[in-house]
Amino acid sequence: MKKPATNINFQLFTTFLKIGAFTFGGGWAMISIIEREVVDKRGWIERNDFLDLLAVSQALPGILAVNIATSVGDKIKGTRGSAVAALGTILPSFLMILLIAIFLTPDLIKNNHVISSMFMGIRPAVVALIVAPVITSAKAAKLNLLTVWVPVVVALMISLDIGFLSNPILYIVLGGVGGWLCWCIPQRKLKKK
């Protein structure tokens, strides 16, 4: 892991400003870009640490992109790092929404073929940006035949959206129980041998 430079707060701000400005699709679309920037390109944190921060950020209430930026900033430079990283992530979206609210009305978007076509073209790219971190996370989590059922079952439960089963805290608890079972079953078999 590289040592962060002395102007790390400015680098955190500009890195997350760039990510926030050029990523459509929300937090999930940003994950692979954030990972590439902070783990691969800058070497600020290790991949396993990033995955841990991602898991914690997903479990926290609020916007995933802001949560992960805050977590990464805190890991790198404490409270000030978390503040500048969060500001860098939020600022582009805030400014874009402000400009859209001032200049684009819903009627203008619906009636303008060029703008409507641009939004239609962005949708498939956003899907790809969301799928990429899922694949990366699955590889880093070292899913195998014993553990792959945990995300599959949770994904099915989410897609069914059945009343009491639609609580994210329940998914996190069930995922933890599933992971514990995946760890305990092989351990017990090894002890019996």
Foldseek 3Di string as FASTA:
>chain_A
DDQADPVNLVVLLQQLLVLLQPFPQFQLLSLVVVCCVCPVPVNQDHPVVLLVQQVVLVVDDDGSSLSSQLSSLCVRPRPSRSVSNSCSNVVNVVVVVVVCVVPPDPVNCVPDPVNVVVVVVVVVVSVVSNVVVVVVSCVVVVDDPLQPVLVVVLVVLCVVPDVVSPDVVVSVVSSVVSVVVSVVVVVVVVVVD
